N, C-alpha and C. Protein backbone atom coordinates (compact mmCIF):
# COMPACT_ATOMS: atom_id res chain seq x y z
N MET A 1 95.49 91.22 92.87
CA MET A 1 95.04 91.24 94.24
C MET A 1 93.52 91.36 94.26
N ASP A 2 92.90 90.58 95.11
CA ASP A 2 91.45 90.67 95.28
C ASP A 2 91.17 91.68 96.38
N TYR A 3 90.76 92.88 95.99
CA TYR A 3 90.53 93.95 96.95
C TYR A 3 89.37 93.67 97.89
N GLU A 4 88.51 92.73 97.54
CA GLU A 4 87.38 92.41 98.40
C GLU A 4 87.77 91.51 99.58
N THR A 5 88.85 90.72 99.42
CA THR A 5 89.20 89.75 100.46
C THR A 5 90.57 89.98 101.09
N VAL A 6 91.39 90.86 100.53
CA VAL A 6 92.74 91.06 101.05
C VAL A 6 92.67 91.57 102.50
N SER A 7 93.57 91.07 103.33
CA SER A 7 93.62 91.55 104.71
C SER A 7 94.20 92.96 104.74
N ALA A 8 93.91 93.68 105.82
CA ALA A 8 94.45 95.03 105.97
C ALA A 8 95.97 95.01 105.95
N GLU A 9 96.56 94.01 106.62
CA GLU A 9 98.02 93.92 106.67
C GLU A 9 98.61 93.68 105.28
N ASP A 10 98.04 92.74 104.53
CA ASP A 10 98.56 92.45 103.20
C ASP A 10 98.33 93.62 102.25
N PHE A 11 97.19 94.27 102.37
CA PHE A 11 96.93 95.44 101.53
C PHE A 11 97.96 96.53 101.83
N GLY A 12 98.17 96.82 103.10
CA GLY A 12 99.15 97.84 103.49
C GLY A 12 100.55 97.53 102.98
N LYS A 13 100.96 96.28 103.08
CA LYS A 13 102.29 95.87 102.61
C LYS A 13 102.44 95.98 101.10
N SER A 14 101.32 95.95 100.37
CA SER A 14 101.38 95.97 98.91
C SER A 14 101.52 97.38 98.33
N LEU A 15 101.26 98.39 99.13
CA LEU A 15 101.23 99.77 98.61
C LEU A 15 102.64 100.24 98.27
N ARG A 16 102.76 100.90 97.13
CA ARG A 16 104.04 101.41 96.64
C ARG A 16 103.84 102.78 95.99
N GLY A 17 104.95 103.47 95.74
CA GLY A 17 104.88 104.75 95.03
C GLY A 17 104.23 105.82 95.88
N VAL A 18 103.39 106.63 95.26
CA VAL A 18 102.69 107.71 95.95
C VAL A 18 101.31 107.21 96.35
N GLY A 19 100.94 107.43 97.60
CA GLY A 19 99.63 107.01 98.07
C GLY A 19 98.76 108.21 98.39
N VAL A 20 97.48 108.03 98.20
CA VAL A 20 96.52 109.08 98.51
C VAL A 20 95.45 108.50 99.42
N ASN A 21 95.25 109.13 100.57
CA ASN A 21 94.14 108.84 101.46
C ASN A 21 93.27 110.09 101.48
N VAL A 22 92.01 109.94 101.16
CA VAL A 22 91.09 111.07 101.16
C VAL A 22 90.23 110.94 102.42
N LEU A 23 90.36 111.89 103.32
CA LEU A 23 89.63 111.89 104.58
C LEU A 23 88.28 112.57 104.35
N VAL A 24 87.19 111.82 104.59
CA VAL A 24 85.84 112.32 104.28
C VAL A 24 84.91 112.12 105.48
N ARG A 25 83.86 112.91 105.52
CA ARG A 25 82.87 112.79 106.59
C ARG A 25 82.01 111.55 106.44
N ASP A 26 81.69 111.16 105.20
CA ASP A 26 80.79 110.03 104.96
C ASP A 26 81.37 109.18 103.83
N VAL A 27 82.01 108.08 104.20
CA VAL A 27 82.68 107.22 103.22
C VAL A 27 81.68 106.68 102.21
N ARG A 28 80.54 106.21 102.67
CA ARG A 28 79.55 105.63 101.74
C ARG A 28 79.05 106.67 100.72
N ALA A 29 78.79 107.88 101.17
CA ALA A 29 78.32 108.93 100.25
C ALA A 29 79.39 109.31 99.24
N THR A 30 80.62 109.45 99.69
CA THR A 30 81.70 109.80 98.76
C THR A 30 81.96 108.66 97.78
N ALA A 31 81.90 107.43 98.25
CA ALA A 31 82.08 106.27 97.36
C ALA A 31 80.99 106.23 96.30
N ALA A 32 79.75 106.50 96.69
CA ALA A 32 78.65 106.54 95.73
C ALA A 32 78.88 107.63 94.70
N PHE A 33 79.31 108.80 95.14
CA PHE A 33 79.62 109.91 94.24
C PHE A 33 80.70 109.50 93.23
N LEU A 34 81.79 108.92 93.71
CA LEU A 34 82.90 108.54 92.84
C LEU A 34 82.49 107.43 91.86
N GLY A 35 81.71 106.49 92.32
CA GLY A 35 81.25 105.43 91.44
C GLY A 35 80.28 105.95 90.40
N ASP A 36 79.32 106.77 90.81
CA ASP A 36 78.29 107.27 89.90
C ASP A 36 78.83 108.26 88.88
N VAL A 37 79.66 109.21 89.34
CA VAL A 37 80.11 110.30 88.47
C VAL A 37 81.30 109.89 87.62
N PHE A 38 82.25 109.17 88.21
CA PHE A 38 83.50 108.87 87.50
C PHE A 38 83.69 107.39 87.17
N ASP A 39 82.74 106.56 87.55
CA ASP A 39 82.80 105.12 87.29
C ASP A 39 84.04 104.47 87.91
N LEU A 40 84.42 104.94 89.11
CA LEU A 40 85.56 104.37 89.81
C LEU A 40 85.13 103.09 90.51
N GLY A 41 86.08 102.17 90.68
CA GLY A 41 85.80 100.92 91.37
C GLY A 41 85.84 101.14 92.87
N ILE A 42 84.84 100.62 93.57
CA ILE A 42 84.75 100.77 95.02
C ILE A 42 84.81 99.38 95.63
N HIS A 43 85.75 99.20 96.58
CA HIS A 43 85.97 97.89 97.18
C HIS A 43 86.04 98.03 98.70
N ARG A 44 85.65 96.97 99.39
CA ARG A 44 85.71 96.90 100.86
C ARG A 44 84.97 98.06 101.52
N LEU A 45 83.88 98.47 100.92
CA LEU A 45 83.13 99.63 101.39
C LEU A 45 82.54 99.37 102.78
N SER A 46 82.81 100.29 103.69
CA SER A 46 82.22 100.26 105.03
C SER A 46 81.98 101.70 105.47
N GLU A 47 81.49 101.86 106.68
CA GLU A 47 81.28 103.21 107.23
C GLU A 47 82.60 103.96 107.37
N ASP A 48 83.70 103.22 107.56
CA ASP A 48 84.99 103.83 107.88
C ASP A 48 86.01 103.85 106.76
N PHE A 49 85.82 103.05 105.72
CA PHE A 49 86.92 102.83 104.79
C PHE A 49 86.40 102.32 103.45
N ALA A 50 87.13 102.64 102.39
CA ALA A 50 86.92 102.03 101.08
C ALA A 50 88.23 102.08 100.31
N ILE A 51 88.46 101.04 99.54
CA ILE A 51 89.54 101.02 98.56
C ILE A 51 88.92 101.46 97.25
N VAL A 52 89.54 102.42 96.58
CA VAL A 52 89.03 102.94 95.33
C VAL A 52 90.05 102.65 94.23
N THR A 53 89.57 102.11 93.11
CA THR A 53 90.47 101.83 91.99
C THR A 53 90.09 102.67 90.78
N TYR A 54 91.13 103.05 90.07
CA TYR A 54 90.99 103.84 88.84
C TYR A 54 92.05 103.33 87.88
N GLY A 55 91.64 102.57 86.88
CA GLY A 55 92.63 101.92 86.02
C GLY A 55 93.48 101.01 86.88
N GLY A 56 94.79 101.13 86.78
CA GLY A 56 95.69 100.32 87.59
C GLY A 56 96.10 100.98 88.89
N GLN A 57 95.44 102.09 89.25
CA GLN A 57 95.83 102.84 90.45
C GLN A 57 94.82 102.61 91.57
N VAL A 58 95.30 102.80 92.78
CA VAL A 58 94.46 102.59 93.95
C VAL A 58 94.65 103.74 94.93
N PHE A 59 93.55 104.18 95.55
CA PHE A 59 93.64 105.11 96.66
C PHE A 59 92.59 104.73 97.67
N GLN A 60 92.56 105.44 98.79
CA GLN A 60 91.68 105.04 99.88
C GLN A 60 90.83 106.19 100.38
N LEU A 61 89.62 105.85 100.81
CA LEU A 61 88.76 106.78 101.54
C LEU A 61 88.78 106.36 103.00
N HIS A 62 88.92 107.32 103.90
CA HIS A 62 88.87 107.05 105.33
C HIS A 62 87.88 108.01 105.98
N SER A 63 87.14 107.52 106.96
CA SER A 63 86.26 108.40 107.73
C SER A 63 87.09 109.13 108.78
N ASP A 64 86.54 110.20 109.28
CA ASP A 64 87.22 110.96 110.33
C ASP A 64 87.56 110.06 111.52
N GLY A 65 86.65 109.15 111.87
CA GLY A 65 86.85 108.29 113.02
C GLY A 65 88.07 107.40 112.93
N THR A 66 88.48 107.06 111.72
CA THR A 66 89.66 106.20 111.56
C THR A 66 90.94 106.97 111.84
N TYR A 67 90.86 108.29 111.91
CA TYR A 67 92.03 109.12 112.15
C TYR A 67 92.11 109.60 113.60
N HIS A 68 91.44 108.91 114.52
CA HIS A 68 91.38 109.34 115.92
C HIS A 68 92.75 109.52 116.54
N ALA A 69 93.75 108.76 116.10
CA ALA A 69 95.11 108.87 116.66
C ALA A 69 96.08 109.53 115.67
N ASN A 70 95.55 110.09 114.59
CA ASN A 70 96.38 110.69 113.55
C ASN A 70 96.48 112.20 113.79
N PRO A 71 97.67 112.80 113.71
CA PRO A 71 97.80 114.23 113.98
C PRO A 71 97.08 115.11 112.96
N LEU A 72 96.76 114.59 111.80
CA LEU A 72 96.07 115.38 110.77
C LEU A 72 94.65 115.75 111.19
N LEU A 73 94.01 114.91 111.99
CA LEU A 73 92.62 115.14 112.37
C LEU A 73 92.44 116.50 113.03
N ASN A 74 93.39 116.93 113.84
CA ASN A 74 93.27 118.22 114.53
C ASN A 74 93.36 119.42 113.59
N LEU A 75 93.81 119.21 112.37
CA LEU A 75 93.94 120.30 111.42
C LEU A 75 92.71 120.48 110.54
N LEU A 76 91.78 119.55 110.60
CA LEU A 76 90.59 119.64 109.74
C LEU A 76 89.71 120.80 110.17
N PRO A 77 89.19 121.55 109.21
CA PRO A 77 88.29 122.64 109.57
C PRO A 77 86.97 122.08 110.11
N GLU A 78 86.37 122.79 111.07
CA GLU A 78 85.09 122.35 111.61
C GLU A 78 83.97 122.53 110.59
N ASN A 79 84.09 123.52 109.74
CA ASN A 79 83.09 123.77 108.71
C ASN A 79 83.68 123.47 107.34
N PRO A 80 82.90 122.79 106.50
CA PRO A 80 83.42 122.50 105.16
C PRO A 80 83.53 123.77 104.34
N PRO A 81 84.23 123.78 103.22
CA PRO A 81 84.83 122.59 102.64
C PRO A 81 86.20 122.31 103.24
N ARG A 82 86.55 121.06 103.29
CA ARG A 82 87.84 120.68 103.85
C ARG A 82 88.87 120.41 102.76
N GLY A 83 88.48 120.25 101.53
CA GLY A 83 89.41 119.86 100.49
C GLY A 83 90.00 121.02 99.69
N ALA A 84 89.84 122.24 100.16
CA ALA A 84 90.32 123.40 99.41
C ALA A 84 91.81 123.28 99.10
N GLY A 85 92.15 123.51 97.86
CA GLY A 85 93.55 123.47 97.44
C GLY A 85 94.01 122.13 96.92
N VAL A 86 93.14 121.13 96.97
CA VAL A 86 93.51 119.79 96.48
C VAL A 86 92.76 119.52 95.18
N GLU A 87 93.50 119.14 94.15
CA GLU A 87 92.90 118.68 92.89
C GLU A 87 93.21 117.20 92.77
N LEU A 88 92.19 116.40 92.58
CA LEU A 88 92.37 114.97 92.34
C LEU A 88 92.04 114.74 90.87
N ARG A 89 93.07 114.54 90.08
CA ARG A 89 92.92 114.50 88.63
C ARG A 89 92.72 113.08 88.12
N LEU A 90 91.71 112.93 87.28
CA LEU A 90 91.37 111.66 86.66
C LEU A 90 91.60 111.81 85.16
N TYR A 91 92.82 111.49 84.73
CA TYR A 91 93.24 111.80 83.37
C TYR A 91 92.59 110.95 82.28
N ASP A 92 91.93 109.89 82.61
CA ASP A 92 91.31 109.04 81.60
C ASP A 92 89.79 109.03 81.72
N THR A 93 89.22 110.16 82.12
CA THR A 93 87.77 110.25 82.32
C THR A 93 87.21 111.38 81.47
N ASP A 94 86.19 111.07 80.71
CA ASP A 94 85.55 112.06 79.85
C ASP A 94 84.88 113.14 80.70
N PRO A 95 85.34 114.39 80.60
CA PRO A 95 84.77 115.44 81.45
C PRO A 95 83.31 115.77 81.12
N ASP A 96 82.92 115.63 79.85
CA ASP A 96 81.54 115.92 79.48
C ASP A 96 80.58 114.91 80.13
N GLN A 97 80.94 113.64 80.09
CA GLN A 97 80.11 112.62 80.72
C GLN A 97 80.09 112.79 82.24
N ALA A 98 81.25 113.07 82.82
CA ALA A 98 81.32 113.23 84.28
C ALA A 98 80.47 114.41 84.74
N VAL A 99 80.51 115.51 84.02
CA VAL A 99 79.70 116.68 84.40
C VAL A 99 78.21 116.37 84.28
N ALA A 100 77.81 115.67 83.23
CA ALA A 100 76.40 115.30 83.09
C ALA A 100 75.94 114.45 84.27
N ARG A 101 76.78 113.50 84.68
CA ARG A 101 76.44 112.65 85.83
C ARG A 101 76.43 113.46 87.13
N ALA A 102 77.40 114.34 87.27
CA ALA A 102 77.47 115.18 88.47
C ALA A 102 76.23 116.07 88.59
N GLU A 103 75.86 116.69 87.49
CA GLU A 103 74.69 117.58 87.51
C GLU A 103 73.42 116.79 87.82
N ALA A 104 73.34 115.55 87.33
CA ALA A 104 72.18 114.72 87.61
C ALA A 104 72.08 114.40 89.10
N ARG A 105 73.21 114.37 89.79
CA ARG A 105 73.24 114.12 91.25
C ARG A 105 73.11 115.40 92.05
N GLY A 106 73.15 116.54 91.39
CA GLY A 106 73.09 117.82 92.10
C GLY A 106 74.44 118.26 92.65
N ALA A 107 75.52 117.68 92.16
CA ALA A 107 76.86 118.05 92.62
C ALA A 107 77.26 119.41 92.05
N MET A 108 78.17 120.07 92.74
CA MET A 108 78.62 121.39 92.30
C MET A 108 79.68 121.26 91.21
N VAL A 109 79.40 121.83 90.07
CA VAL A 109 80.37 121.89 88.97
C VAL A 109 81.00 123.28 89.02
N LEU A 110 82.28 123.33 89.36
CA LEU A 110 82.98 124.60 89.43
C LEU A 110 83.32 125.14 88.06
N GLN A 111 83.66 124.23 87.17
CA GLN A 111 83.99 124.64 85.80
C GLN A 111 83.48 123.59 84.84
N ALA A 112 82.70 124.03 83.87
CA ALA A 112 82.19 123.14 82.83
C ALA A 112 83.36 122.62 82.00
N PRO A 113 83.16 121.55 81.25
CA PRO A 113 84.24 121.04 80.40
C PRO A 113 84.78 122.14 79.50
N THR A 114 86.10 122.29 79.55
CA THR A 114 86.77 123.37 78.84
C THR A 114 88.05 122.85 78.21
N ASP A 115 88.31 123.26 76.96
CA ASP A 115 89.58 122.93 76.30
C ASP A 115 90.65 123.88 76.83
N LYS A 116 91.71 123.32 77.39
CA LYS A 116 92.76 124.11 78.02
C LYS A 116 94.01 124.17 77.14
N PRO A 117 94.80 125.23 77.28
CA PRO A 117 96.01 125.37 76.47
C PRO A 117 97.08 124.32 76.77
N HIS A 118 96.97 123.63 77.90
CA HIS A 118 97.95 122.59 78.20
C HIS A 118 97.57 121.24 77.58
N GLY A 119 96.61 121.25 76.63
CA GLY A 119 96.33 120.06 75.84
C GLY A 119 95.28 119.12 76.40
N LEU A 120 94.53 119.57 77.40
CA LEU A 120 93.50 118.72 77.99
C LEU A 120 92.14 119.40 77.94
N ARG A 121 91.10 118.60 77.81
CA ARG A 121 89.73 119.06 78.05
C ARG A 121 89.41 118.58 79.45
N GLU A 122 89.03 119.52 80.33
CA GLU A 122 88.84 119.15 81.71
C GLU A 122 87.69 119.94 82.33
N ALA A 123 87.21 119.43 83.46
CA ALA A 123 86.17 120.09 84.23
C ALA A 123 86.55 120.00 85.70
N TYR A 124 85.93 120.82 86.53
CA TYR A 124 86.14 120.79 87.97
C TYR A 124 84.80 120.51 88.64
N ILE A 125 84.77 119.44 89.43
CA ILE A 125 83.56 119.01 90.13
C ILE A 125 83.91 118.84 91.60
N LEU A 126 83.09 119.44 92.47
CA LEU A 126 83.32 119.30 93.91
C LEU A 126 82.46 118.19 94.49
N CYS A 127 83.07 117.40 95.36
CA CYS A 127 82.29 116.45 96.16
C CYS A 127 81.81 117.18 97.41
N ASP A 128 81.02 116.53 98.22
CA ASP A 128 80.46 117.18 99.41
C ASP A 128 81.52 117.63 100.41
N ASP A 129 82.70 117.02 100.39
CA ASP A 129 83.76 117.43 101.30
C ASP A 129 84.62 118.55 100.73
N GLY A 130 84.31 119.01 99.52
CA GLY A 130 85.01 120.15 98.96
C GLY A 130 86.26 119.81 98.17
N TYR A 131 86.52 118.52 97.93
CA TYR A 131 87.67 118.16 97.10
C TYR A 131 87.31 118.40 95.65
N ALA A 132 88.24 118.92 94.89
CA ALA A 132 88.02 119.17 93.47
C ALA A 132 88.48 117.96 92.68
N TRP A 133 87.53 117.28 92.05
CA TRP A 133 87.80 116.14 91.18
C TRP A 133 87.83 116.68 89.77
N VAL A 134 88.91 116.38 89.04
CA VAL A 134 89.13 116.98 87.72
C VAL A 134 89.23 115.89 86.66
N PRO A 135 88.09 115.54 86.03
CA PRO A 135 88.14 114.59 84.93
C PRO A 135 88.72 115.28 83.71
N SER A 136 89.56 114.57 82.97
CA SER A 136 90.15 115.19 81.79
C SER A 136 90.52 114.14 80.75
N ARG A 137 90.63 114.65 79.52
CA ARG A 137 91.05 113.85 78.37
C ARG A 137 91.95 114.70 77.49
N PRO A 138 92.89 114.08 76.80
CA PRO A 138 93.69 114.86 75.86
C PRO A 138 92.84 115.44 74.74
N LEU A 139 93.21 116.61 74.26
CA LEU A 139 92.51 117.22 73.13
C LEU A 139 92.85 116.47 71.85
């Protein structure tokens, strides 16, 4: 599928399995963060929306304005962070490289790369909306 030219209807019809929509205040800023820090693919980038690819997986960024008729919008906190309690795990991303890129951007690193007893080396990095992005690799 060509994510740059697919219609909204065809894209929606193609989605299967578990889907993730990340609701953010600034789609362009979050897309830049994800591309710079984690080398994720960013497609159809606009003020309101982006398709994000990671390996063979896809998820979406949506601005608050796109949720004007969605019941979730009323539950968002007025003050950040809004992503508390959510971990978005990137299992094929080197945590050491991601932390170096995050620090270069001034992003908050909650936990430096650490070898964990569950067999992964991982780090915790917060985006501006407070979502915890967790790059990891097997030990």
